[in-house]
């Protein structure tokens, strides 16, 4: 009876991670739309939703602590619970970066379409990495998790090239603010890709008990 209860609670925790992940992906979509379209009317909604994500992450941690205290899980099960806390924490940080992107979007002006398009492509690819990590976690797919490290390397390279091109442009008093804010967003995007790689590391840790640095 105790074992079946533990399994049920663990499955619920995994389901809650997926729900938290979906909320985080929605936040990213909205944040990307802010600088992509120039419509920042949803920024306050993004900020409000972030508070709900923060609260959900804390609730998940409390649930895990309660399970550990009541069930005293063995090593392999304990790893699964630790991973729930670690992944929920990384997702919460990704959601924070979405808020940062949205806020910065309010200060962008006089930026050419090609630059916005390039940044949007980079952001959507980082968002896709988070989505793939969530699928890999749900399906316990270690190979898929490992492959995300390659995508992170590609985004790091594109980020570097984007920043170099950004500041090689003719920056004057009219567009210096917008250029600086775009650089901030690019940095947030690069960090999101890093967190997606962190998620992959926790998936691998859950599977074999060893932590590998994929960044």
C-alpha atoms as a PDB file:
ATOM      1  CA  UNK A   1       0.000   0.000   0.000  1.00  0.00           C
ATOM      2  CA  UNK A   2       2.785   2.429   0.917  1.00  0.00           C
ATOM      3  CA  UNK A   3       4.682   1.600  -2.258  1.00  0.00           C
ATOM      4  CA  UNK A   4       1.664   2.132  -4.484  1.00  0.00           C
ATOM      5  CA  UNK A   5       0.999   5.460  -2.765  1.00  0.00           C
ATOM      6  CA  UNK A   6       4.601   6.524  -3.347  1.00  0.00           C
ATOM      7  CA  UNK A   7       4.436   5.585  -7.034  1.00  0.00           C
ATOM      8  CA  UNK A   8       1.236   7.587  -7.412  1.00  0.00           C
ATOM      9  CA  UNK A   9       2.745  10.636  -5.712  1.00  0.00           C
ATOM     10  CA  UNK A  10       5.857  10.397  -7.868  1.00  0.00           C
ATOM     11  CA  UNK A  11       3.790  10.171 -11.037  1.00  0.00           C
ATOM     12  CA  UNK A  12       1.810  13.216  -9.935  1.00  0.00           C
ATOM     13  CA  UNK A  13       5.043  15.143  -9.402  1.00  0.00           C
ATOM     14  CA  UNK A  14       6.210  14.277 -12.918  1.00  0.00           C
ATOM     15  CA  UNK A  15       2.846  15.407 -14.297  1.00  0.00           C
ATOM     16  CA  UNK A  16       3.162  18.680 -12.391  1.00  0.00           C
ATOM     17  CA  UNK A  17       6.592  19.214 -13.949  1.00  0.00           C
ATOM     18  CA  UNK A  18       5.037  18.899 -17.403  1.00  0.00           C
ATOM     19  CA  UNK A  19       2.355  21.414 -16.456  1.00  0.00           C
ATOM     20  CA  UNK A  20       4.989  23.823 -15.145  1.00  0.00           C
ATOM     21  CA  UNK A  21       6.928  23.307 -18.350  1.00  0.00           C
ATOM     22  CA  UNK A  22       3.915  24.126 -20.493  1.00  0.00           C
ATOM     23  CA  UNK A  23       3.323  27.333 -18.542  1.00  0.00           C
ATOM     24  CA  UNK A  24       6.954  28.269 -19.030  1.00  0.00           C
ATOM     25  CA  UNK A  25       6.778  27.654 -22.779  1.00  0.00           C
ATOM     26  CA  UNK A  26       3.708  29.897 -23.013  1.00  0.00           C
ATOM     27  CA  UNK A  27       5.646  32.623 -21.195  1.00  0.00           C
ATOM     28  CA  UNK A  28       8.480  32.279 -23.688  1.00  0.00           C
ATOM     29  CA  UNK A  29       6.094  32.489 -26.635  1.00  0.00           C
ATOM     30  CA  UNK A  30       4.568  35.675 -25.263  1.00  0.00           C
ATOM     31  CA  UNK A  31       7.951  37.225 -24.483  1.00  0.00           C
ATOM     32  CA  UNK A  32       9.263  36.477 -27.979  1.00  0.00           C
ATOM     33  CA  UNK A  33       6.131  38.020 -29.481  1.00  0.00           C
ATOM     34  CA  UNK A  34       6.766  41.217 -27.495  1.00  0.00           C
ATOM     35  CA  UNK A  35      10.034  42.085 -29.240  1.00  0.00           C
ATOM     36  CA  UNK A  36       9.133  40.343 -32.503  1.00  0.00           C
ATOM     37  CA  UNK A  37       5.986  42.378 -33.124  1.00  0.00           C
ATOM     38  CA  UNK A  38       6.713  45.417 -30.988  1.00  0.00           C
ATOM     39  CA  UNK A  39       3.436  44.860 -29.128  1.00  0.00           C
ATOM     40  CA  UNK A  40       4.300  45.043 -25.431  1.00  0.00           C
ATOM     41  CA  UNK A  41       0.725  45.223 -24.150  1.00  0.00           C
ATOM     42  CA  UNK A  42       1.052  41.722 -22.641  1.00  0.00           C
ATOM     43  CA  UNK A  43       4.128  42.464 -20.518  1.00  0.00           C
ATOM     44  CA  UNK A  44       2.118  42.998 -17.343  1.00  0.00           C
ATOM     45  CA  UNK A  45       0.310  39.694 -17.920  1.00  0.00           C
ATOM     46  CA  UNK A  46       3.662  37.937 -18.338  1.00  0.00           C
ATOM     47  CA  UNK A  47       4.857  39.407 -15.041  1.00  0.00           C
ATOM     48  CA  UNK A  48       1.656  38.348 -13.264  1.00  0.00           C
ATOM     49  CA  UNK A  49       1.879  34.809 -14.635  1.00  0.00           C
ATOM     50  CA  UNK A  50       5.485  34.565 -13.477  1.00  0.00           C
ATOM     51  CA  UNK A  51       4.332  34.983  -9.890  1.00  0.00           C
ATOM     52  CA  UNK A  52       2.046  31.982 -10.364  1.00  0.00           C
ATOM     53  CA  UNK A  53       4.937  29.941 -11.763  1.00  0.00           C
ATOM     54  CA  UNK A  54       7.108  30.907  -8.792  1.00  0.00           C
ATOM     55  CA  UNK A  55       4.369  29.782  -6.423  1.00  0.00           C
ATOM     56  CA  UNK A  56       3.921  26.480  -8.277  1.00  0.00           C
ATOM     57  CA  UNK A  57       7.643  25.763  -8.095  1.00  0.00           C
ATOM     58  CA  UNK A  58       7.594  26.274  -4.331  1.00  0.00           C
ATOM     59  CA  UNK A  59       4.573  23.999  -4.014  1.00  0.00           C
ATOM     60  CA  UNK A  60       6.367  21.283  -5.975  1.00  0.00           C
ATOM     61  CA  UNK A  61       9.371  21.501  -3.673  1.00  0.00           C
ATOM     62  CA  UNK A  62       7.133  21.225  -0.623  1.00  0.00           C
ATOM     63  CA  UNK A  63       5.433  18.164  -2.107  1.00  0.00           C
ATOM     64  CA  UNK A  64       8.801  16.505  -2.708  1.00  0.00           C
ATOM     65  CA  UNK A  65       9.969  17.222   0.848  1.00  0.00           C
ATOM     66  CA  UNK A  66       6.712  15.761   2.168  1.00  0.00           C
ATOM     67  CA  UNK A  67       7.136  12.597   0.082  1.00  0.00           C
ATOM     68  CA  UNK A  68      10.712  12.148   1.287  1.00  0.00           C
ATOM     69  CA  UNK A  69       9.702  12.618   4.917  1.00  0.00           C
ATOM     70  CA  UNK A  70       6.768  10.230   4.721  1.00  0.00           C
ATOM     71  CA  UNK A  71       8.074   7.551   2.356  1.00  0.00           C
ATOM     72  CA  UNK A  72      11.859   7.551   2.995  1.00  0.00           C
ATOM     73  CA  UNK A  73      12.588   6.476  -0.597  1.00  0.00           C
ATOM     74  CA  UNK A  74      15.546   4.310  -1.638  1.00  0.00           C
ATOM     75  CA  UNK A  75      18.416   5.738  -3.700  1.00  0.00           C
ATOM     76  CA  UNK A  76      16.914   5.403  -7.192  1.00  0.00           C
ATOM     77  CA  UNK A  77      13.565   6.833  -6.107  1.00  0.00           C
ATOM     78  CA  UNK A  78      15.279   9.598  -4.195  1.00  0.00           C
ATOM     79  CA  UNK A  79      17.095  10.589  -7.401  1.00  0.00           C
ATOM     80  CA  UNK A  80      13.764  10.940  -9.174  1.00  0.00           C
ATOM     81  CA  UNK A  81      12.504  13.273  -6.473  1.00  0.00           C
ATOM     82  CA  UNK A  82      15.698  15.333  -6.507  1.00  0.00           C
ATOM     83  CA  UNK A  83      15.344  15.678 -10.279  1.00  0.00           C
ATOM     84  CA  UNK A  84      11.771  16.947  -9.864  1.00  0.00           C
ATOM     85  CA  UNK A  85      13.071  19.753  -7.633  1.00  0.00           C
ATOM     86  CA  UNK A  86      16.028  20.553  -9.886  1.00  0.00           C
ATOM     87  CA  UNK A  87      13.981  20.651 -13.078  1.00  0.00           C
ATOM     88  CA  UNK A  88      11.237  22.745 -11.484  1.00  0.00           C
ATOM     89  CA  UNK A  89      13.906  25.200 -10.320  1.00  0.00           C
ATOM     90  CA  UNK A  90      15.453  25.464 -13.781  1.00  0.00           C
ATOM     91  CA  UNK A  91      12.034  25.964 -15.379  1.00  0.00           C
ATOM     92  CA  UNK A  92      11.295  28.737 -12.905  1.00  0.00           C
ATOM     93  CA  UNK A  93      14.529  30.448 -13.923  1.00  0.00           C
ATOM     94  CA  UNK A  94      13.633  30.130 -17.613  1.00  0.00           C
ATOM     95  CA  UNK A  95      10.302  31.774 -16.814  1.00  0.00           C
ATOM     96  CA  UNK A  96      12.188  34.583 -15.044  1.00  0.00           C
ATOM     97  CA  UNK A  97      14.249  35.128 -18.195  1.00  0.00           C
ATOM     98  CA  UNK A  98      11.036  35.334 -20.216  1.00  0.00           C
ATOM     99  CA  UNK A  99       9.937  38.166 -17.926  1.00  0.00           C
ATOM    100  CA  UNK A 100      13.292  39.898 -18.412  1.00  0.00           C
ATOM    101  CA  UNK A 101      12.908  39.618 -22.189  1.00  0.00           C
ATOM    102  CA  UNK A 102       9.415  41.068 -22.053  1.00  0.00           C
ATOM    103  CA  UNK A 103      10.451  44.007 -19.861  1.00  0.00           C
ATOM    104  CA  UNK A 104      13.404  44.854 -22.088  1.00  0.00           C
ATOM    105  CA  UNK A 105      11.144  44.783 -25.152  1.00  0.00           C
ATOM    106  CA  UNK A 106       9.501  47.954 -23.871  1.00  0.00           C
ATOM    107  CA  UNK A 107      12.749  49.840 -24.460  1.00  0.00           C
ATOM    108  CA  UNK A 108      13.402  48.740 -28.033  1.00  0.00           C
ATOM    109  CA  UNK A 109      12.979  51.213 -30.871  1.00  0.00           C
ATOM    110  CA  UNK A 110      14.484  52.030 -34.285  1.00  0.00           C
ATOM    111  CA  UNK A 111      15.704  48.485 -34.968  1.00  0.00           C
ATOM    112  CA  UNK A 112      15.829  47.021 -38.469  1.00  0.00           C
ATOM    113  CA  UNK A 113      13.644  44.046 -39.363  1.00  0.00           C
ATOM    114  CA  UNK A 114      16.544  41.745 -40.241  1.00  0.00           C
ATOM    115  CA  UNK A 115      18.052  42.088 -36.767  1.00  0.00           C
ATOM    116  CA  UNK A 116      14.725  41.393 -35.104  1.00  0.00           C
ATOM    117  CA  UNK A 117      14.177  38.386 -37.373  1.00  0.00           C
ATOM    118  CA  UNK A 118      17.595  36.936 -36.528  1.00  0.00           C
ATOM    119  CA  UNK A 119      17.033  37.388 -32.805  1.00  0.00           C
ATOM    120  CA  UNK A 120      13.552  35.903 -33.061  1.00  0.00           C
ATOM    121  CA  UNK A 121      14.933  32.814 -34.795  1.00  0.00           C
ATOM    122  CA  UNK A 122      17.541  32.387 -32.075  1.00  0.00           C
ATOM    123  CA  UNK A 123      14.931  32.760 -29.327  1.00  0.00           C
ATOM    124  CA  UNK A 124      12.539  30.270 -30.924  1.00  0.00           C
ATOM    125  CA  UNK A 125      15.321  27.698 -31.239  1.00  0.00           C
ATOM    126  CA  UNK A 126      16.175  28.110 -27.555  1.00  0.00           C
ATOM    127  CA  UNK A 127      12.486  27.734 -26.733  1.00  0.00           C
ATOM    128  CA  UNK A 128      12.413  24.553 -28.828  1.00  0.00           C
ATOM    129  CA  UNK A 129      15.301  23.193 -26.767  1.00  0.00           C
ATOM    130  CA  UNK A 130      13.267  23.594 -23.576  1.00  0.00           C
ATOM    131  CA  UNK A 131      10.312  21.829 -25.233  1.00  0.00           C
ATOM    132  CA  UNK A 132      12.534  18.952 -26.375  1.00  0.00           C
ATOM    133  CA  UNK A 133      14.002  18.606 -22.884  1.00  0.00           C
ATOM    134  CA  UNK A 134      10.509  18.311 -21.426  1.00  0.00           C
ATOM    135  CA  UNK A 135       9.644  15.561 -23.911  1.00  0.00           C
ATOM    136  CA  UNK A 136      12.908  13.765 -23.139  1.00  0.00           C
ATOM    137  CA  UNK A 137      12.110  13.959 -19.423  1.00  0.00           C
ATOM    138  CA  UNK A 138       8.609  12.610 -19.905  1.00  0.00           C
ATOM    139  CA  UNK A 139       9.823   9.743 -22.099  1.00  0.00           C
ATOM    140  CA  UNK A 140      13.029   9.129 -20.097  1.00  0.00           C
ATOM    141  CA  UNK A 141      14.960   9.506 -23.351  1.00  0.00           C
ATOM    142  CA  UNK A 142      18.616   9.871 -22.382  1.00  0.00           C
ATOM    143  CA  UNK A 143      19.837   9.935 -25.993  1.00  0.00           C
ATOM    144  CA  UNK A 144      17.543  12.861 -26.868  1.00  0.00           C
ATOM    145  CA  UNK A 145      18.728  14.669 -23.764  1.00  0.00           C
ATOM    146  CA  UNK A 146      22.367  14.222 -24.787  1.00  0.00           C
ATOM    147  CA  UNK A 147      21.692  15.619 -28.260  1.00  0.00           C
ATOM    148  CA  UNK A 148      20.553  18.940 -26.802  1.00  0.00           C
ATOM    149  CA  UNK A 149      24.149  19.739 -25.853  1.00  0.00           C
ATOM    150  CA  UNK A 150      24.959  20.029 -29.572  1.00  0.00           C
ATOM    151  CA  UNK A 151      22.078  22.420 -30.074  1.00  0.00           C
ATOM    152  CA  UNK A 152      23.318  24.513 -27.167  1.00  0.00           C
ATOM    153  CA  UNK A 153      26.756  24.748 -28.787  1.00  0.00           C
ATOM    154  CA  UNK A 154      25.131  25.945 -32.013  1.00  0.00           C
ATOM    155  CA  UNK A 155      23.134  28.613 -30.171  1.00  0.00           C
ATOM    156  CA  UNK A 156      26.262  29.773 -28.319  1.00  0.00           C
ATOM    157  CA  UNK A 157      28.000  30.224 -31.665  1.00  0.00           C
ATOM    158  CA  UNK A 158      25.064  32.071 -33.205  1.00  0.00           C
ATOM    159  CA  UNK A 159      24.795  34.271 -30.111  1.00  0.00           C
ATOM    160  CA  UNK A 160      28.437  35.304 -30.460  1.00  0.00           C
ATOM    161  CA  UNK A 161      28.035  36.141 -34.126  1.00  0.00           C
ATOM    162  CA  UNK A 162      24.819  38.061 -33.469  1.00  0.00           C
ATOM    163  CA  UNK A 163      26.462  40.247 -30.820  1.00  0.00           C
ATOM    164  CA  UNK A 164      29.435  41.002 -33.082  1.00  0.00           C
ATOM    165  CA  UNK A 165      27.179  42.000 -35.985  1.00  0.00           C
ATOM    166  CA  UNK A 166      24.951  44.018 -33.672  1.00  0.00           C
ATOM    167  CA  UNK A 167      27.758  46.280 -32.488  1.00  0.00           C
ATOM    168  CA  UNK A 168      29.431  46.521 -35.868  1.00  0.00           C
ATOM    169  CA  UNK A 169      26.405  48.410 -37.100  1.00  0.00           C
ATOM    170  CA  UNK A 170      26.341  52.180 -37.250  1.00  0.00           C
ATOM    171  CA  UNK A 171      25.120  52.863 -33.722  1.00  0.00           C
ATOM    172  CA  UNK A 172      24.060  56.465 -33.110  1.00  0.00           C
ATOM    173  CA  UNK A 173      22.252  58.282 -30.333  1.00  0.00           C
ATOM    174  CA  UNK A 174      18.876  57.329 -31.806  1.00  0.00           C
ATOM    175  CA  UNK A 175      19.361  53.569 -31.830  1.00  0.00           C
ATOM    176  CA  UNK A 176      22.022  52.928 -29.157  1.00  0.00           C
ATOM    177  CA  UNK A 177      19.341  52.168 -26.561  1.00  0.00           C
ATOM    178  CA  UNK A 178      17.569  49.693 -28.819  1.00  0.00           C
ATOM    179  CA  UNK A 179      20.847  48.020 -29.775  1.00  0.00           C
ATOM    180  CA  UNK A 180      21.821  47.621 -26.131  1.00  0.00           C
ATOM    181  CA  UNK A 181      18.448  46.120 -25.229  1.00  0.00           C
ATOM    182  CA  UNK A 182      18.662  43.656 -28.112  1.00  0.00           C
ATOM    183  CA  UNK A 183      22.027  42.531 -26.746  1.00  0.00           C
ATOM    184  CA  UNK A 184      20.372  41.941 -23.365  1.00  0.00           C
ATOM    185  CA  UNK A 185      17.636  39.832 -24.970  1.00  0.00           C
ATOM    186  CA  UNK A 186      20.212  37.810 -26.895  1.00  0.00           C
ATOM    187  CA  UNK A 187      22.016  37.105 -23.627  1.00  0.00           C
ATOM    188  CA  UNK A 188      18.767  35.994 -21.997  1.00  0.00           C
ATOM    189  CA  UNK A 189      18.132  33.677 -24.948  1.00  0.00           C
ATOM    190  CA  UNK A 190      21.602  32.171 -24.613  1.00  0.00           C
ATOM    191  CA  UNK A 191      20.928  31.547 -20.914  1.00  0.00           C
ATOM    192  CA  UNK A 192      17.620  29.844 -21.737  1.00  0.00           C
ATOM    193  CA  UNK A 193      19.488  27.412 -23.977  1.00  0.00           C
ATOM    194  CA  UNK A 194      21.890  26.767 -21.099  1.00  0.00           C
ATOM    195  CA  UNK A 195      18.993  25.950 -18.802  1.00  0.00           C
ATOM    196  CA  UNK A 196      17.578  23.567 -21.410  1.00  0.00           C
ATOM    197  CA  UNK A 197      20.941  21.800 -21.302  1.00  0.00           C
ATOM    198  CA  UNK A 198      20.720  21.735 -17.499  1.00  0.00           C
ATOM    199  CA  UNK A 199      17.395  19.932 -17.842  1.00  0.00           C
ATOM    200  CA  UNK A 200      19.153  17.353 -20.008  1.00  0.00           C
ATOM    201  CA  UNK A 201      21.812  16.854 -17.356  1.00  0.00           C
ATOM    202  CA  UNK A 202      19.144  16.059 -14.764  1.00  0.00           C
ATOM    203  CA  UNK A 203      17.479  13.559 -17.095  1.00  0.00           C
ATOM    204  CA  UNK A 204      20.797  11.750 -17.460  1.00  0.00           C
ATOM    205  CA  UNK A 205      21.400  11.917 -13.710  1.00  0.00           C
ATOM    206  CA  UNK A 206      18.010  10.351 -13.005  1.00  0.00           C
ATOM    207  CA  UNK A 207      18.804   7.505 -15.395  1.00  0.00           C
ATOM    208  CA  UNK A 208      22.276   6.529 -14.180  1.00  0.00           C
ATOM    209  CA  UNK A 209      23.064   8.422 -10.996  1.00  0.00           C
ATOM    210  CA  UNK A 210      25.962  10.371 -12.516  1.00  0.00           C
ATOM    211  CA  UNK A 211      25.988  14.092 -13.206  1.00  0.00           C
ATOM    212  CA  UNK A 212      27.591  15.160 -16.471  1.00  0.00           C
ATOM    213  CA  UNK A 213      28.303  18.773 -17.367  1.00  0.00           C
ATOM    214  CA  UNK A 214      26.935  19.198 -20.896  1.00  0.00           C
ATOM    215  CA  UNK A 215      27.427  22.974 -21.007  1.00  0.00           C
END
